[in-house]
Amino acid sequence: MAYEDIRAAIDLITDQIARHPEDRARLHRQLCARLAEMRRQGLAVPADLADLAVQISCDNDDTDASDEAADLFDNMPV
């Protein structure tokens, strides 16, 4: 996939995260997969996306199930 295609997919995912915060965990995994695809292809990951990857822990493949469960309730009204 070309850089422009991957970047467009990443932009779409970030828009979906903003519109559907309840799907954040799934969308974060998709975003991490796209960033990993960029790295595998030897493409430069822009600084803003690299910072985002750090924020959502893309490099941490040992995601804990309790973390995902906690994310589920982040948007619940009190």
Protein backbone atom coordinates (compact mmCIF):
# COMPACT_ATOMS: atom_id res chain seq x y z
CA MET A 1 0.00 0.00 0.00
CA ALA A 2 1.34 3.43 -0.88
CA TYR A 3 2.08 6.08 1.72
CA GLU A 4 -0.91 8.16 0.65
CA ASP A 5 -3.26 5.18 0.99
CA ILE A 6 -1.99 4.32 4.46
CA ARG A 7 -2.15 7.95 5.54
CA ALA A 8 -5.74 8.21 4.26
CA ALA A 9 -6.67 5.05 6.18
CA ILE A 10 -5.06 6.47 9.33
CA ASP A 11 -6.95 9.75 8.91
CA LEU A 12 -10.19 7.81 8.54
CA ILE A 13 -9.47 5.81 11.69
CA THR A 14 -8.67 8.95 13.71
CA ASP A 15 -11.94 10.51 12.51
CA GLN A 16 -13.81 7.38 13.58
CA ILE A 17 -12.16 7.52 17.01
CA ALA A 18 -13.48 11.06 17.42
CA ARG A 19 -16.99 10.12 16.25
CA HIS A 20 -17.26 6.74 17.99
CA PRO A 21 -15.33 6.81 21.27
CA GLU A 22 -17.12 3.64 22.37
CA ASP A 23 -15.13 1.75 19.71
CA ARG A 24 -11.83 3.28 20.78
CA ALA A 25 -10.07 0.02 21.72
CA ARG A 26 -10.83 -1.60 18.37
CA LEU A 27 -9.93 1.54 16.44
CA HIS A 28 -6.66 1.91 18.37
CA ARG A 29 -5.71 -1.62 17.31
CA GLN A 30 -6.50 -0.75 13.69
CA LEU A 31 -4.44 2.41 13.96
CA CYS A 32 -1.50 0.51 15.43
CA ALA A 33 -1.74 -2.02 12.61
CA ARG A 34 -1.57 0.75 9.99
CA LEU A 35 1.42 2.35 11.71
CA ALA A 36 3.15 -1.03 11.86
CA GLU A 37 2.44 -1.45 8.16
CA MET A 38 4.14 1.88 7.47
CA ARG A 39 7.20 0.79 9.45
CA ARG A 40 7.34 -2.62 7.71
CA GLN A 41 7.35 -0.90 4.34
CA GLY A 42 10.16 1.39 5.45
CA LEU A 43 7.98 4.48 5.25
CA ALA A 44 8.65 7.40 7.54
CA VAL A 45 6.09 7.73 10.30
CA PRO A 46 5.28 11.43 10.79
CA ALA A 47 6.08 12.84 14.22
CA ASP A 48 2.43 13.46 15.09
CA LEU A 49 1.56 9.84 14.37
CA ALA A 50 4.62 8.58 16.23
CA ASP A 51 3.52 10.62 19.26
CA LEU A 52 0.01 9.22 18.96
CA ALA A 53 1.41 5.69 18.80
CA VAL A 54 3.24 6.31 22.07
CA GLN A 55 0.09 7.72 23.68
CA ILE A 56 -2.00 4.68 22.79
CA SER A 57 0.83 2.21 23.46
CA CYS A 58 1.11 0.73 19.98
CA ASP A 59 4.50 -0.75 20.75
CA ASN A 60 3.10 -2.66 23.71
CA ASP A 61 1.81 -5.93 22.26
CA ASP A 62 1.13 -7.28 25.76
CA THR A 63 -2.21 -5.56 26.16
CA ASP A 64 -3.87 -6.62 29.34
CA ALA A 65 -7.51 -7.67 29.18
CA SER A 66 -8.23 -5.53 32.23
CA ASP A 67 -7.01 -2.46 30.32
CA GLU A 68 -9.54 -3.14 27.58
CA ALA A 69 -12.25 -3.70 30.16
CA ALA A 70 -11.36 -0.40 31.82
CA ASP A 71 -11.59 1.35 28.44
CA LEU A 72 -15.10 0.02 28.03
CA PHE A 73 -16.30 2.07 30.97
CA ASP A 74 -14.39 5.29 30.28
CA ASN A 75 -17.36 6.87 28.52
CA MET A 76 -20.10 5.63 30.83
CA PRO A 77 -22.21 8.36 32.42
CA VAL A 78 -22.03 8.56 36.18
